[in-house]
Amino acid sequence: MEPLTLTTDRLLLRTVGPQDTDAVHAACQDPDIQRWTTIPSPYLPEHARGFTEQMVPDGWANGSMFTFGLFLPSGDLAGMLGLTMISLGVGEIGFWCAREHRGHGYVTEAAVAVSRWAFTHLAIDRVEWRAEVGNTASRAVAQRVGFTMEGTLRSAVNNKGVRRDCWVGSLLPSDLSLPSTAPYLPARPQSGAPVAGRPATP
């Protein structure tokens, strides 16, 4: 797929390239980004070059990962958001926000826009969000977007060689008032199965 550009009320969402390497490297010096994401630490110039010049274009070319830089009208890089295909019809969203641009709702705005695009153009019927347990800032963004928190997965994230528990949530097309590409049949309690407030009969 060729990279595309999306716009929101306040942002230009576009792929990043060599011209953005310095901005990506500068933003990723933030200790919080290095702590809570799986980027290398320390984050060196060659890591930023590999991201903007190889990882991002390769992801678009083979349809495995769709990465958008979050750019303000001034041209400043406010953050990064990626949607990685993890199974048929399922993508996983990840994001970070540059320290100086936090608290303005930019990532929430971008996540809604990219999720809408994924639901309407990529035949995706589920967007997953995962974050290491304790990353309350990421969880707050996901909840503002409309993700339903589904629980905790044990040892589900490998962050710099250490396995950690993570929260998981999901966003469905119906959460954004959009139709699904495939029929969805939610689970129903089985006949005779215990229900809340009523103990099972021996």
Protein backbone atom coordinates (compact mmCIF):
# COMPACT_ATOMS: atom_id res chain seq x y z
CA MET A 1 0.00 0.00 0.00
CA GLU A 2 1.18 3.51 -0.76
CA PRO A 3 1.43 5.76 2.32
CA LEU A 4 -1.47 8.14 2.71
CA THR A 5 -2.22 11.29 4.64
CA LEU A 6 -5.12 11.86 7.02
CA THR A 7 -6.22 15.14 8.55
CA THR A 8 -8.07 15.98 11.74
CA ASP A 9 -9.21 19.30 13.14
CA ARG A 10 -5.72 20.05 14.45
CA LEU A 11 -3.31 17.52 12.95
CA LEU A 12 -1.75 16.31 9.76
CA LEU A 13 -1.19 12.55 9.96
CA ARG A 14 1.41 11.40 7.46
CA THR A 15 4.16 8.86 7.10
CA VAL A 16 7.64 9.82 8.25
CA GLY A 17 10.84 9.70 6.23
CA PRO A 18 14.48 10.79 6.32
CA GLN A 19 13.45 14.43 6.73
CA ASP A 20 11.91 13.53 10.10
CA THR A 21 14.79 11.50 11.52
CA ASP A 22 16.17 14.27 13.72
CA ALA A 23 12.72 15.09 15.16
CA VAL A 24 12.05 11.41 15.94
CA HIS A 25 15.46 11.05 17.59
CA ALA A 26 14.94 14.18 19.69
CA ALA A 27 11.46 13.15 20.87
CA CYS A 28 12.63 9.66 21.81
CA GLN A 29 15.21 11.02 24.24
CA ASP A 30 12.30 11.39 26.68
CA PRO A 31 12.84 8.90 29.55
CA ASP A 32 9.09 8.17 29.70
CA ILE A 33 8.97 7.12 26.04
CA GLN A 34 12.00 4.90 26.55
CA ARG A 35 10.51 3.40 29.71
CA TRP A 36 7.02 2.61 28.51
CA THR A 37 7.58 1.68 24.86
CA THR A 38 9.75 -1.01 23.35
CA ILE A 39 12.11 1.38 21.53
CA PRO A 40 15.82 0.84 22.23
CA SER A 41 17.33 2.58 25.24
CA PRO A 42 19.54 4.53 24.85
CA TYR A 43 17.90 5.67 21.62
CA LEU A 44 20.65 6.52 19.16
CA PRO A 45 20.60 8.39 15.82
CA GLU A 46 20.96 5.10 13.95
CA HIS A 47 17.80 3.81 15.61
CA ALA A 48 15.87 6.83 14.34
CA ARG A 49 17.32 6.37 10.85
CA GLY A 50 16.38 2.70 10.79
CA PHE A 51 12.84 3.64 11.83
CA THR A 52 12.23 6.44 9.34
CA GLU A 53 14.20 5.02 6.41
CA GLN A 54 13.46 1.30 6.65
CA MET A 55 10.89 0.17 9.20
CA VAL A 56 8.20 2.71 8.33
CA PRO A 57 8.39 2.46 4.51
CA ASP A 58 8.69 -1.34 4.65
CA GLY A 59 5.57 -1.54 6.82
CA TRP A 60 3.54 0.48 4.34
CA ALA A 61 4.93 -1.42 1.35
CA ASN A 62 4.05 -4.89 2.66
CA GLY A 63 0.89 -3.90 4.52
CA SER A 64 2.16 -5.07 7.90
CA MET A 65 2.38 -1.75 9.76
CA PHE A 66 0.86 1.64 9.02
CA THR A 67 2.77 4.43 10.77
CA PHE A 68 1.70 8.05 11.01
CA GLY A 69 3.56 11.03 12.39
CA LEU A 70 1.31 13.49 14.20
CA PHE A 71 2.22 16.93 12.85
CA LEU A 72 0.93 20.30 14.03
CA PRO A 73 0.23 23.18 11.60
CA SER A 74 3.61 24.59 12.67
CA GLY A 75 5.28 21.46 11.29
CA ASP A 76 6.32 20.23 14.75
CA LEU A 77 6.16 16.50 15.40
CA ALA A 78 3.70 16.01 18.25
CA GLY A 79 3.79 12.23 18.36
CA MET A 80 3.75 8.93 16.53
CA LEU A 81 1.04 6.35 15.97
CA GLY A 82 1.24 2.96 14.33
CA LEU A 83 -1.25 0.24 13.47
CA THR A 84 0.32 -3.21 13.17
CA MET A 85 -1.56 -6.12 11.61
CA ILE A 86 -1.48 -9.03 14.07
CA SER A 87 -4.06 -11.43 12.59
CA LEU A 88 -6.83 -11.54 10.01
CA GLY A 89 -9.00 -8.46 10.53
CA VAL A 90 -7.17 -7.41 13.71
CA GLY A 91 -4.70 -4.56 14.14
CA GLU A 92 -2.81 -3.41 17.22
CA ILE A 93 -2.43 0.30 17.85
CA GLY A 94 0.57 1.89 19.50
CA PHE A 95 1.50 5.50 20.09
CA TRP A 96 3.65 8.01 21.90
CA CYS A 97 3.42 11.76 22.40
CA ALA A 98 6.34 14.17 22.55
CA ARG A 99 6.75 15.53 26.07
CA GLU A 100 6.18 19.17 25.16
CA HIS A 101 2.89 18.38 23.40
CA ARG A 102 1.19 16.28 26.07
CA GLY A 103 -2.08 17.27 27.66
CA HIS A 104 -3.73 18.57 24.48
CA GLY A 105 -5.54 15.42 23.33
CA TYR A 106 -3.52 15.07 20.12
CA VAL A 107 -2.99 11.31 20.41
CA THR A 108 -6.65 10.71 21.22
CA GLU A 109 -7.65 12.72 18.15
CA ALA A 110 -5.21 10.81 15.95
CA ALA A 111 -6.19 7.40 17.32
CA VAL A 112 -9.86 8.00 16.53
CA ALA A 113 -9.01 9.11 12.99
CA VAL A 114 -6.70 6.18 12.27
CA SER A 115 -9.14 3.67 13.75
CA ARG A 116 -11.95 5.05 11.58
CA TRP A 117 -9.71 4.75 8.54
CA ALA A 118 -8.77 1.18 9.45
CA PHE A 119 -12.39 0.14 9.94
CA THR A 120 -13.52 1.65 6.65
CA HIS A 121 -10.52 0.97 4.38
CA LEU A 122 -8.58 -2.03 5.71
CA ALA A 123 -11.35 -4.57 6.43
CA ILE A 124 -10.34 -4.46 10.11
CA ASP A 125 -13.01 -5.41 12.61
CA ARG A 126 -11.00 -5.15 15.84
CA VAL A 127 -8.29 -2.75 16.96
CA GLU A 128 -6.37 -3.89 20.01
CA TRP A 129 -4.54 -1.67 22.47
CA ARG A 130 -1.93 -3.10 24.79
CA ALA A 131 0.24 -1.36 27.36
CA GLU A 132 2.44 -2.51 30.18
CA VAL A 133 0.58 -2.56 33.49
CA GLY A 134 1.22 0.79 35.14
CA ASN A 135 1.20 2.87 31.96
CA THR A 136 -1.77 4.89 33.11
CA ALA A 137 -1.24 7.67 30.56
CA SER A 138 -1.62 5.25 27.64
CA ARG A 139 -4.64 3.64 29.29
CA ALA A 140 -6.30 7.06 29.72
CA VAL A 141 -5.85 7.78 26.00
CA ALA A 142 -7.33 4.40 25.05
CA GLN A 143 -10.34 4.96 27.28
CA ARG A 144 -10.95 8.42 25.83
CA VAL A 145 -10.88 6.91 22.33
CA GLY A 146 -13.52 4.39 23.40
CA PHE A 147 -11.56 1.19 23.96
CA THR A 148 -13.13 -1.41 26.24
CA MET A 149 -10.68 -2.69 28.83
CA GLU A 150 -10.65 -6.48 28.66
CA GLY A 151 -8.17 -7.48 31.33
CA THR A 152 -4.53 -8.23 32.08
CA LEU A 153 -2.33 -10.60 30.09
CA ARG A 154 0.49 -12.20 32.03
CA SER A 155 4.01 -12.01 30.60
CA ALA A 156 2.61 -10.67 27.30
CA VAL A 157 5.09 -7.87 26.63
CA ASN A 158 8.84 -8.16 26.16
CA ASN A 159 10.29 -4.77 26.97
CA LYS A 160 14.06 -4.68 26.48
CA GLY A 161 14.52 -8.31 27.41
CA VAL A 162 12.17 -8.36 30.40
CA ARG A 163 8.76 -10.00 30.15
CA ARG A 164 5.99 -7.97 31.76
CA ASP A 165 2.25 -8.11 32.27
CA CYS A 166 0.10 -5.87 30.08
CA TRP A 167 -3.37 -4.46 29.92
CA VAL A 168 -5.42 -5.20 26.81
CA GLY A 169 -8.41 -3.40 25.36
CA SER A 170 -10.37 -3.45 22.14
CA LEU A 171 -12.17 -1.05 19.85
CA LEU A 172 -14.81 -2.37 17.43
CA PRO A 173 -16.41 -0.58 14.47
CA SER A 174 -19.69 -0.37 16.39
CA ASP A 175 -17.91 1.64 19.12
CA LEU A 176 -17.47 4.38 16.51
CA SER A 177 -20.95 3.85 15.00
CA LEU A 178 -19.49 2.07 11.97
CA PRO A 179 -20.52 -1.25 10.40
CA SER A 180 -18.35 -4.36 10.63
CA THR A 181 -17.03 -6.00 7.48
CA ALA A 182 -17.82 -9.45 8.91
CA PRO A 183 -20.84 -10.47 11.01
CA TYR A 184 -20.20 -10.33 14.75
CA LEU A 185 -22.03 -12.68 17.10
CA PRO A 186 -21.24 -11.79 20.73
CA ALA A 187 -21.13 -14.67 23.22
CA ARG A 188 -24.26 -15.38 25.22
CA PRO A 189 -24.42 -17.24 28.57
CA GLN A 190 -25.02 -20.92 27.92
CA SER A 191 -28.19 -22.53 29.23
CA GLY A 192 -27.59 -23.64 32.79
CA ALA A 193 -24.38 -21.64 33.11
CA PRO A 194 -23.92 -19.60 36.29
CA VAL A 195 -24.92 -15.97 36.02
CA ALA A 196 -23.98 -13.05 38.20
CA GLY A 197 -25.82 -13.12 41.51
CA ARG A 198 -26.99 -16.72 41.20
CA PRO A 199 -24.78 -19.61 42.36
CA ALA A 200 -24.59 -22.74 40.24
CA THR A 201 -26.81 -25.61 41.33
CA PRO A 202 -24.89 -28.79 42.12
